[in-house]
C-alpha atoms as a PDB file:
ATOM      1  CA  UNK A   1     -30.047  -4.068 -33.804  1.00  0.00           C
ATOM      2  CA  UNK A   2     -28.366  -5.446 -30.699  1.00  0.00           C
ATOM      3  CA  UNK A   3     -30.045  -5.063 -27.321  1.00  0.00           C
ATOM      4  CA  UNK A   4     -27.891  -2.200 -26.020  1.00  0.00           C
ATOM      5  CA  UNK A   5     -28.920   0.220 -28.779  1.00  0.00           C
ATOM      6  CA  UNK A   6     -30.964   3.023 -27.217  1.00  0.00           C
ATOM      7  CA  UNK A   7     -34.583   3.121 -28.324  1.00  0.00           C
ATOM      8  CA  UNK A   8     -34.509   6.659 -29.726  1.00  0.00           C
ATOM      9  CA  UNK A   9     -31.716   5.628 -32.115  1.00  0.00           C
ATOM     10  CA  UNK A  10     -33.553   2.539 -33.284  1.00  0.00           C
ATOM     11  CA  UNK A  11     -36.806   4.492 -33.614  1.00  0.00           C
ATOM     12  CA  UNK A  12     -35.207   7.290 -35.616  1.00  0.00           C
ATOM     13  CA  UNK A  13     -33.479   4.886 -38.013  1.00  0.00           C
ATOM     14  CA  UNK A  14     -36.680   2.878 -38.399  1.00  0.00           C
ATOM     15  CA  UNK A  15     -38.650   5.990 -39.365  1.00  0.00           C
ATOM     16  CA  UNK A  16     -36.063   7.050 -41.941  1.00  0.00           C
ATOM     17  CA  UNK A  17     -35.790   3.613 -43.533  1.00  0.00           C
ATOM     18  CA  UNK A  18     -39.471   3.057 -44.263  1.00  0.00           C
ATOM     19  CA  UNK A  19     -40.422  -0.564 -44.733  1.00  0.00           C
ATOM     20  CA  UNK A  20     -37.051  -2.018 -43.766  1.00  0.00           C
ATOM     21  CA  UNK A  21     -37.353  -5.017 -41.465  1.00  0.00           C
ATOM     22  CA  UNK A  22     -35.426  -4.906 -38.193  1.00  0.00           C
ATOM     23  CA  UNK A  23     -34.288  -8.018 -36.326  1.00  0.00           C
ATOM     24  CA  UNK A  24     -32.246  -8.693 -33.218  1.00  0.00           C
ATOM     25  CA  UNK A  25     -28.484  -8.835 -33.701  1.00  0.00           C
ATOM     26  CA  UNK A  26     -28.034 -10.597 -30.352  1.00  0.00           C
ATOM     27  CA  UNK A  27     -27.316 -14.015 -31.921  1.00  0.00           C
ATOM     28  CA  UNK A  28     -24.241 -12.405 -33.499  1.00  0.00           C
ATOM     29  CA  UNK A  29     -23.108  -9.874 -30.906  1.00  0.00           C
ATOM     30  CA  UNK A  30     -23.568 -12.078 -27.838  1.00  0.00           C
ATOM     31  CA  UNK A  31     -21.362 -14.743 -29.380  1.00  0.00           C
ATOM     32  CA  UNK A  32     -18.701 -12.128 -30.128  1.00  0.00           C
ATOM     33  CA  UNK A  33     -18.753 -10.622 -26.639  1.00  0.00           C
ATOM     34  CA  UNK A  34     -18.988 -13.580 -24.266  1.00  0.00           C
ATOM     35  CA  UNK A  35     -15.567 -14.968 -25.240  1.00  0.00           C
ATOM     36  CA  UNK A  36     -12.792 -12.621 -24.119  1.00  0.00           C
ATOM     37  CA  UNK A  37      -9.360 -12.416 -25.717  1.00  0.00           C
ATOM     38  CA  UNK A  38      -6.148 -12.342 -23.633  1.00  0.00           C
ATOM     39  CA  UNK A  39      -6.041  -8.558 -24.108  1.00  0.00           C
ATOM     40  CA  UNK A  40      -9.600  -8.185 -22.830  1.00  0.00           C
ATOM     41  CA  UNK A  41      -8.844 -10.414 -19.839  1.00  0.00           C
ATOM     42  CA  UNK A  42      -5.814  -8.247 -19.045  1.00  0.00           C
ATOM     43  CA  UNK A  43      -7.979  -5.111 -18.974  1.00  0.00           C
ATOM     44  CA  UNK A  44     -10.474  -6.834 -16.699  1.00  0.00           C
ATOM     45  CA  UNK A  45      -7.640  -7.924 -14.433  1.00  0.00           C
ATOM     46  CA  UNK A  46      -6.488  -4.328 -14.177  1.00  0.00           C
ATOM     47  CA  UNK A  47     -10.021  -3.176 -13.363  1.00  0.00           C
ATOM     48  CA  UNK A  48     -10.300  -5.759 -10.592  1.00  0.00           C
ATOM     49  CA  UNK A  49      -6.896  -4.836  -9.159  1.00  0.00           C
ATOM     50  CA  UNK A  50      -7.892  -1.172  -9.008  1.00  0.00           C
ATOM     51  CA  UNK A  51     -11.208  -1.930  -7.303  1.00  0.00           C
ATOM     52  CA  UNK A  52      -9.485  -4.073  -4.659  1.00  0.00           C
ATOM     53  CA  UNK A  53      -7.091  -1.194  -3.926  1.00  0.00           C
ATOM     54  CA  UNK A  54      -9.999   1.260  -3.736  1.00  0.00           C
ATOM     55  CA  UNK A  55     -11.824  -1.041  -1.308  1.00  0.00           C
ATOM     56  CA  UNK A  56      -8.809  -1.205   0.993  1.00  0.00           C
ATOM     57  CA  UNK A  57      -8.482   2.562   1.046  1.00  0.00           C
ATOM     58  CA  UNK A  58     -12.197   3.184   1.630  1.00  0.00           C
ATOM     59  CA  UNK A  59     -12.744   0.544   4.336  1.00  0.00           C
ATOM     60  CA  UNK A  60     -10.028   2.247   6.355  1.00  0.00           C
ATOM     61  CA  UNK A  61     -12.192   5.399   6.464  1.00  0.00           C
ATOM     62  CA  UNK A  62     -15.199   3.786   8.192  1.00  0.00           C
ATOM     63  CA  UNK A  63     -16.180   5.390  11.492  1.00  0.00           C
ATOM     64  CA  UNK A  64     -19.176   5.257  13.841  1.00  0.00           C
ATOM     65  CA  UNK A  65     -21.965   7.525  12.613  1.00  0.00           C
ATOM     66  CA  UNK A  66     -20.660   7.637   9.053  1.00  0.00           C
ATOM     67  CA  UNK A  67     -23.382   8.212   6.429  1.00  0.00           C
ATOM     68  CA  UNK A  68     -23.255   5.627   3.683  1.00  0.00           C
ATOM     69  CA  UNK A  69     -23.105   8.384   1.080  1.00  0.00           C
ATOM     70  CA  UNK A  70     -19.769   9.494   2.491  1.00  0.00           C
ATOM     71  CA  UNK A  71     -18.400   5.987   2.132  1.00  0.00           C
ATOM     72  CA  UNK A  72     -19.508   5.890  -1.513  1.00  0.00           C
ATOM     73  CA  UNK A  73     -17.875   9.256  -2.173  1.00  0.00           C
ATOM     74  CA  UNK A  74     -14.629   7.992  -0.659  1.00  0.00           C
ATOM     75  CA  UNK A  75     -14.653   4.964  -2.960  1.00  0.00           C
ATOM     76  CA  UNK A  76     -15.221   7.107  -6.041  1.00  0.00           C
ATOM     77  CA  UNK A  77     -12.318   9.341  -5.049  1.00  0.00           C
ATOM     78  CA  UNK A  78     -10.109   6.310  -4.452  1.00  0.00           C
ATOM     79  CA  UNK A  79     -10.902   4.874  -7.880  1.00  0.00           C
ATOM     80  CA  UNK A  80     -10.186   8.238  -9.489  1.00  0.00           C
ATOM     81  CA  UNK A  81      -6.813   8.484  -7.747  1.00  0.00           C
ATOM     82  CA  UNK A  82      -6.018   5.024  -9.080  1.00  0.00           C
ATOM     83  CA  UNK A  83      -6.814   6.107 -12.627  1.00  0.00           C
ATOM     84  CA  UNK A  84     -10.271   4.642 -13.208  1.00  0.00           C
ATOM     85  CA  UNK A  85     -13.909   5.703 -13.104  1.00  0.00           C
ATOM     86  CA  UNK A  86     -15.776   3.693 -10.494  1.00  0.00           C
ATOM     87  CA  UNK A  87     -17.396   3.490  -7.105  1.00  0.00           C
ATOM     88  CA  UNK A  88     -18.676   1.213  -4.351  1.00  0.00           C
ATOM     89  CA  UNK A  89     -22.027   1.394  -2.609  1.00  0.00           C
ATOM     90  CA  UNK A  90     -22.629   0.217   0.953  1.00  0.00           C
ATOM     91  CA  UNK A  91     -25.564  -0.930   3.058  1.00  0.00           C
ATOM     92  CA  UNK A  92     -25.397  -0.860   6.862  1.00  0.00           C
ATOM     93  CA  UNK A  93     -27.103  -3.109   9.408  1.00  0.00           C
ATOM     94  CA  UNK A  94     -30.579  -4.368   8.531  1.00  0.00           C
ATOM     95  CA  UNK A  95     -30.415  -2.676   5.109  1.00  0.00           C
ATOM     96  CA  UNK A  96     -27.799  -5.253   4.099  1.00  0.00           C
ATOM     97  CA  UNK A  97     -30.627  -7.826   3.986  1.00  0.00           C
ATOM     98  CA  UNK A  98     -31.898  -6.230   0.771  1.00  0.00           C
ATOM     99  CA  UNK A  99     -29.855  -7.493  -2.192  1.00  0.00           C
ATOM    100  CA  UNK A 100     -29.962  -4.109  -3.929  1.00  0.00           C
ATOM    101  CA  UNK A 101     -30.039  -2.043  -0.770  1.00  0.00           C
ATOM    102  CA  UNK A 102     -32.349   0.577   0.666  1.00  0.00           C
ATOM    103  CA  UNK A 103     -32.797   4.273  -0.103  1.00  0.00           C
ATOM    104  CA  UNK A 104     -33.410   5.106   3.566  1.00  0.00           C
ATOM    105  CA  UNK A 105     -30.740   7.219   5.300  1.00  0.00           C
ATOM    106  CA  UNK A 106     -28.169   4.996   7.022  1.00  0.00           C
ATOM    107  CA  UNK A 107     -25.495   5.829   9.584  1.00  0.00           C
ATOM    108  CA  UNK A 108     -22.893   3.286  10.631  1.00  0.00           C
ATOM    109  CA  UNK A 109     -23.221   1.839  14.136  1.00  0.00           C
ATOM    110  CA  UNK A 110     -21.096  -0.534  16.190  1.00  0.00           C
ATOM    111  CA  UNK A 111     -21.898  -4.136  15.309  1.00  0.00           C
ATOM    112  CA  UNK A 112     -23.420  -3.310  11.908  1.00  0.00           C
ATOM    113  CA  UNK A 113     -22.927  -5.656   9.008  1.00  0.00           C
ATOM    114  CA  UNK A 114     -21.489  -3.616   6.128  1.00  0.00           C
ATOM    115  CA  UNK A 115     -22.323  -5.045   2.690  1.00  0.00           C
ATOM    116  CA  UNK A 116     -20.389  -3.316  -0.094  1.00  0.00           C
ATOM    117  CA  UNK A 117     -20.693  -3.731  -3.868  1.00  0.00           C
ATOM    118  CA  UNK A 118     -19.009  -1.894  -6.724  1.00  0.00           C
ATOM    119  CA  UNK A 119     -16.434  -1.761  -9.464  1.00  0.00           C
ATOM    120  CA  UNK A 120     -14.799   0.341 -12.129  1.00  0.00           C
ATOM    121  CA  UNK A 121     -14.122   0.740 -15.839  1.00  0.00           C
ATOM    122  CA  UNK A 122     -10.705   0.368 -17.475  1.00  0.00           C
ATOM    123  CA  UNK A 123     -10.700   1.122 -21.203  1.00  0.00           C
ATOM    124  CA  UNK A 124     -14.308  -0.061 -21.399  1.00  0.00           C
ATOM    125  CA  UNK A 125     -13.937  -3.256 -19.353  1.00  0.00           C
ATOM    126  CA  UNK A 126     -15.555  -3.733 -15.972  1.00  0.00           C
ATOM    127  CA  UNK A 127     -14.934  -5.127 -12.515  1.00  0.00           C
ATOM    128  CA  UNK A 128     -17.635  -6.071  -9.985  1.00  0.00           C
ATOM    129  CA  UNK A 129     -16.665  -7.024  -6.427  1.00  0.00           C
ATOM    130  CA  UNK A 130     -18.679  -7.369  -3.203  1.00  0.00           C
ATOM    131  CA  UNK A 131     -17.408  -7.650   0.342  1.00  0.00           C
ATOM    132  CA  UNK A 132     -19.192  -8.056   3.662  1.00  0.00           C
ATOM    133  CA  UNK A 133     -17.643  -7.166   7.014  1.00  0.00           C
ATOM    134  CA  UNK A 134     -18.810  -6.169  10.487  1.00  0.00           C
ATOM    135  CA  UNK A 135     -17.985  -2.784  11.960  1.00  0.00           C
ATOM    136  CA  UNK A 136     -16.713  -3.913  15.339  1.00  0.00           C
ATOM    137  CA  UNK A 137     -16.703  -7.424  16.765  1.00  0.00           C
ATOM    138  CA  UNK A 138     -18.894  -9.901  14.847  1.00  0.00           C
ATOM    139  CA  UNK A 139     -21.432 -12.018  16.716  1.00  0.00           C
ATOM    140  CA  UNK A 140     -21.334 -15.784  16.376  1.00  0.00           C
ATOM    141  CA  UNK A 141     -24.489 -15.599  14.266  1.00  0.00           C
ATOM    142  CA  UNK A 142     -22.790 -13.190  11.863  1.00  0.00           C
ATOM    143  CA  UNK A 143     -19.703 -15.377  11.675  1.00  0.00           C
ATOM    144  CA  UNK A 144     -21.713 -18.531  10.997  1.00  0.00           C
ATOM    145  CA  UNK A 145     -23.715 -16.962   8.174  1.00  0.00           C
ATOM    146  CA  UNK A 146     -20.603 -15.384   6.668  1.00  0.00           C
ATOM    147  CA  UNK A 147     -18.741 -18.719   6.737  1.00  0.00           C
ATOM    148  CA  UNK A 148     -21.655 -20.477   5.021  1.00  0.00           C
ATOM    149  CA  UNK A 149     -21.727 -17.797   2.337  1.00  0.00           C
ATOM    150  CA  UNK A 150     -17.983 -18.236   1.754  1.00  0.00           C
ATOM    151  CA  UNK A 151     -18.517 -21.983   1.390  1.00  0.00           C
ATOM    152  CA  UNK A 152     -21.240 -21.379  -1.204  1.00  0.00           C
ATOM    153  CA  UNK A 153     -19.011 -19.051  -3.220  1.00  0.00           C
ATOM    154  CA  UNK A 154     -16.240 -21.665  -3.168  1.00  0.00           C
ATOM    155  CA  UNK A 155     -18.692 -24.346  -4.324  1.00  0.00           C
ATOM    156  CA  UNK A 156     -19.679 -22.221  -7.319  1.00  0.00           C
ATOM    157  CA  UNK A 157     -16.039 -21.638  -8.202  1.00  0.00           C
ATOM    158  CA  UNK A 158     -15.261 -25.353  -7.985  1.00  0.00           C
ATOM    159  CA  UNK A 159     -18.265 -26.260 -10.147  1.00  0.00           C
ATOM    160  CA  UNK A 160     -17.394 -23.867 -12.987  1.00  0.00           C
ATOM    161  CA  UNK A 161     -15.393 -25.032 -15.975  1.00  0.00           C
ATOM    162  CA  UNK A 162     -15.435 -25.701 -19.713  1.00  0.00           C
ATOM    163  CA  UNK A 163     -18.468 -27.694 -20.848  1.00  0.00           C
ATOM    164  CA  UNK A 164     -20.336 -27.216 -17.560  1.00  0.00           C
ATOM    165  CA  UNK A 165     -23.929 -25.970 -18.004  1.00  0.00           C
ATOM    166  CA  UNK A 166     -24.273 -22.496 -16.496  1.00  0.00           C
ATOM    167  CA  UNK A 167     -27.178 -23.608 -14.307  1.00  0.00           C
ATOM    168  CA  UNK A 168     -24.973 -26.181 -12.559  1.00  0.00           C
ATOM    169  CA  UNK A 169     -22.851 -23.422 -11.023  1.00  0.00           C
ATOM    170  CA  UNK A 170     -25.924 -21.769  -9.556  1.00  0.00           C
ATOM    171  CA  UNK A 171     -27.128 -25.132  -8.247  1.00  0.00           C
ATOM    172  CA  UNK A 172     -23.819 -25.847  -6.503  1.00  0.00           C
ATOM    173  CA  UNK A 173     -23.928 -22.643  -4.462  1.00  0.00           C
ATOM    174  CA  UNK A 174     -27.664 -22.907  -3.798  1.00  0.00           C
ATOM    175  CA  UNK A 175     -27.271 -26.425  -2.391  1.00  0.00           C
ATOM    176  CA  UNK A 176     -24.713 -25.251   0.167  1.00  0.00           C
ATOM    177  CA  UNK A 177     -26.963 -22.432   1.348  1.00  0.00           C
ATOM    178  CA  UNK A 178     -30.076 -24.621   1.470  1.00  0.00           C
ATOM    179  CA  UNK A 179     -28.268 -27.459   3.257  1.00  0.00           C
ATOM    180  CA  UNK A 180     -26.996 -24.868   5.741  1.00  0.00           C
ATOM    181  CA  UNK A 181     -30.575 -24.101   6.806  1.00  0.00           C
ATOM    182  CA  UNK A 182     -31.348 -21.128   4.574  1.00  0.00           C
ATOM    183  CA  UNK A 183     -33.912 -22.583   2.230  1.00  0.00           C
ATOM    184  CA  UNK A 184     -35.814 -23.819   0.530  1.00  0.00           C
ATOM    185  CA  UNK A 185     -34.835 -22.672  -2.908  1.00  0.00           C
ATOM    186  CA  UNK A 186     -34.816 -18.865  -3.261  1.00  0.00           C
ATOM    187  CA  UNK A 187     -36.057 -18.081   0.257  1.00  0.00           C
ATOM    188  CA  UNK A 188     -32.795 -16.533   1.492  1.00  0.00           C
ATOM    189  CA  UNK A 189     -30.708 -16.596  -1.701  1.00  0.00           C
ATOM    190  CA  UNK A 190     -33.009 -14.543  -3.867  1.00  0.00           C
ATOM    191  CA  UNK A 191     -31.043 -14.051  -7.094  1.00  0.00           C
ATOM    192  CA  UNK A 192     -28.831 -15.881  -9.603  1.00  0.00           C
ATOM    193  CA  UNK A 193     -25.315 -16.829  -8.567  1.00  0.00           C
ATOM    194  CA  UNK A 194     -23.741 -14.719 -11.289  1.00  0.00           C
ATOM    195  CA  UNK A 195     -23.904 -12.803 -14.536  1.00  0.00           C
ATOM    196  CA  UNK A 196     -21.650 -12.313 -17.501  1.00  0.00           C
ATOM    197  CA  UNK A 197     -19.294  -9.342 -17.312  1.00  0.00           C
ATOM    198  CA  UNK A 198     -17.024  -7.543 -19.753  1.00  0.00           C
ATOM    199  CA  UNK A 199     -17.846  -4.392 -21.694  1.00  0.00           C
ATOM    200  CA  UNK A 200     -20.901  -4.071 -19.442  1.00  0.00           C
ATOM    201  CA  UNK A 201     -21.183  -4.776 -15.743  1.00  0.00           C
ATOM    202  CA  UNK A 202     -24.035  -7.156 -16.570  1.00  0.00           C
ATOM    203  CA  UNK A 203     -23.994  -8.971 -19.879  1.00  0.00           C
ATOM    204  CA  UNK A 204     -24.672 -12.430 -21.302  1.00  0.00           C
ATOM    205  CA  UNK A 205     -24.689 -15.160 -20.223  1.00  0.00           C
ATOM    206  CA  UNK A 206     -26.096 -15.810 -16.726  1.00  0.00           C
ATOM    207  CA  UNK A 207     -25.311 -18.425 -14.094  1.00  0.00           C
ATOM    208  CA  UNK A 208     -28.931 -19.159 -13.333  1.00  0.00           C
ATOM    209  CA  UNK A 209     -31.355 -22.057 -13.166  1.00  0.00           C
ATOM    210  CA  UNK A 210     -32.634 -22.997 -16.594  1.00  0.00           C
ATOM    211  CA  UNK A 211     -29.581 -21.737 -18.509  1.00  0.00           C
ATOM    212  CA  UNK A 212     -28.044 -24.867 -19.998  1.00  0.00           C
ATOM    213  CA  UNK A 213     -25.451 -22.950 -22.038  1.00  0.00           C
ATOM    214  CA  UNK A 214     -22.127 -24.781 -21.679  1.00  0.00           C
ATOM    215  CA  UNK A 215     -19.298 -22.643 -20.328  1.00  0.00           C
ATOM    216  CA  UNK A 216     -16.358 -22.034 -22.653  1.00  0.00           C
ATOM    217  CA  UNK A 217     -12.799 -20.788 -22.114  1.00  0.00           C
ATOM    218  CA  UNK A 218     -12.738 -16.995 -22.219  1.00  0.00           C
ATOM    219  CA  UNK A 219     -16.178 -16.531 -20.690  1.00  0.00           C
ATOM    220  CA  UNK A 220     -16.259 -14.200 -17.671  1.00  0.00           C
ATOM    221  CA  UNK A 221     -18.771 -14.185 -14.823  1.00  0.00           C
ATOM    222  CA  UNK A 222     -19.435 -12.736 -11.416  1.00  0.00           C
ATOM    223  CA  UNK A 223     -19.572 -15.306  -8.608  1.00  0.00           C
ATOM    224  CA  UNK A 224     -21.874 -13.797  -5.982  1.00  0.00           C
ATOM    225  CA  UNK A 225     -24.205 -16.006  -3.977  1.00  0.00           C
ATOM    226  CA  UNK A 226     -25.919 -14.285  -1.080  1.00  0.00           C
ATOM    227  CA  UNK A 227     -27.756 -14.958   2.162  1.00  0.00           C
ATOM    228  CA  UNK A 228     -30.325 -12.309   3.110  1.00  0.00           C
ATOM    229  CA  UNK A 229     -32.157 -12.468   6.444  1.00  0.00           C
ATOM    230  CA  UNK A 230     -34.799  -9.754   6.561  1.00  0.00           C
ATOM    231  CA  UNK A 231     -34.869  -7.935   9.881  1.00  0.00           C
ATOM    232  CA  UNK A 232     -31.271  -8.958  10.632  1.00  0.00           C
ATOM    233  CA  UNK A 233     -28.612  -8.628   7.947  1.00  0.00           C
ATOM    234  CA  UNK A 234     -27.334  -9.946   4.645  1.00  0.00           C
ATOM    235  CA  UNK A 235     -24.023 -11.353   3.453  1.00  0.00           C
ATOM    236  CA  UNK A 236     -22.754 -11.356  -0.136  1.00  0.00           C
ATOM    237  CA  UNK A 237     -19.272 -12.121  -1.385  1.00  0.00           C
ATOM    238  CA  UNK A 238     -18.492 -11.455  -5.028  1.00  0.00           C
ATOM    239  CA  UNK A 239     -15.424 -11.998  -7.152  1.00  0.00           C
ATOM    240  CA  UNK A 240     -15.214 -12.126 -10.923  1.00  0.00           C
ATOM    241  CA  UNK A 241     -13.936 -15.265 -12.605  1.00  0.00           C
ATOM    242  CA  UNK A 242     -12.961 -16.391 -16.087  1.00  0.00           C
ATOM    243  CA  UNK A 243     -13.096 -19.843 -17.615  1.00  0.00           C
ATOM    244  CA  UNK A 244      -9.897 -21.579 -18.717  1.00  0.00           C
ATOM    245  CA  UNK A 245      -9.213 -25.005 -20.202  1.00  0.00           C
ATOM    246  CA  UNK A 246      -8.525 -26.206 -16.646  1.00  0.00           C
ATOM    247  CA  UNK A 247     -11.495 -24.670 -14.825  1.00  0.00           C
ATOM    248  CA  UNK A 248     -12.416 -21.282 -13.413  1.00  0.00           C
ATOM    249  CA  UNK A 249      -9.912 -18.722 -12.159  1.00  0.00           C
ATOM    250  CA  UNK A 250     -10.565 -15.550 -10.189  1.00  0.00           C
ATOM    251  CA  UNK A 251      -9.450 -12.040 -11.049  1.00  0.00           C
ATOM    252  CA  UNK A 252      -9.381 -11.246  -7.308  1.00  0.00           C
ATOM    253  CA  UNK A 253      -8.680 -13.460  -4.305  1.00  0.00           C
ATOM    254  CA  UNK A 254     -11.630 -14.556  -2.193  1.00  0.00           C
ATOM    255  CA  UNK A 255     -12.238 -12.833   1.108  1.00  0.00           C
ATOM    256  CA  UNK A 256     -10.409 -14.940   3.758  1.00  0.00           C
ATOM    257  CA  UNK A 257     -12.725 -14.213   6.710  1.00  0.00           C
ATOM    258  CA  UNK A 258     -15.317 -11.840   8.105  1.00  0.00           C
ATOM    259  CA  UNK A 259     -12.467 -10.061   9.913  1.00  0.00           C
ATOM    260  CA  UNK A 260     -10.222  -9.916   6.844  1.00  0.00           C
ATOM    261  CA  UNK A 261     -12.016  -8.827   3.655  1.00  0.00           C
ATOM    262  CA  UNK A 262      -8.875  -9.070   1.498  1.00  0.00           C
ATOM    263  CA  UNK A 263      -6.001 -11.538   1.417  1.00  0.00           C
END
C-alpha cells in the first residue's frame, strides 16, 4: 500500500484478506511519481499560469479594511473563471510572521505586509505559488527583508540541478538568510526550502537538510525560503521549479520587487 491510501481502505482490505502481509509500496510509487514526463510538466505549467493570472486579478481587489476571507474567496472565484479549482490564502500584518498563518480575524490596514500562498489543480497536477507585498508604501525595513528573501530564493534556484543533493539547495538559501543577520540556523527560516510537487501539492522528495537524494531531470519542487520575524511580519516568495539537464527552470517568473509581485 502506498502512503496516500486512506486508512479505512487499508483496514477494510486487511480484515478481508486474513493473514496477508502488507508492506509499503512507496519504494515503487515514489520512484514513478518524482520524475515527470513532458506531458506532466505541461499540465503543471498550465496550473502555474492560471494561478499567476488569479493572483493578478485578486491583488487588484485589495482595499483597506478587507477581511482576509474575502480575499481568499476572490482568488477561488478567479481560479474558477480561469477553468481550474484552486485558491490563495492571505495573512495580514503581524500574522504574516507565522509560516502557516493565524486563525484570528484579520482586516487589511495601510502598511500591512500581505503574505499570500496558494495554487490550483489542472487535470490532477498542482501549482503552489507564494507572494509577499505591502499594502501601501513599504518601510525600509520591509524592503530590506524582502530583498534578502529574494536573494535566498535565487540562491536556491542557482544551486539546484542534476546530481545535486537535495539538502544542498536548502543550505544555499539558508546561508543567505543567516549571513543577512537572520540566524542562526532555523531561528527565522523555520522550515525546509521546498517540497516535491506534482499530483499532490506536497509529495516526495524534499529540499531539506539531511536529504542526500541527488536531483534528477524531471523532478519538480517548490522553492520557498522564508524570513519570519515574530511581532513584526514575515516574507515568503515561492515559485515551482523543475530540473533539466542544464539546471533548474521555473514554471513562473520570480517576483521582481516588493512593489511588483509579478514580472
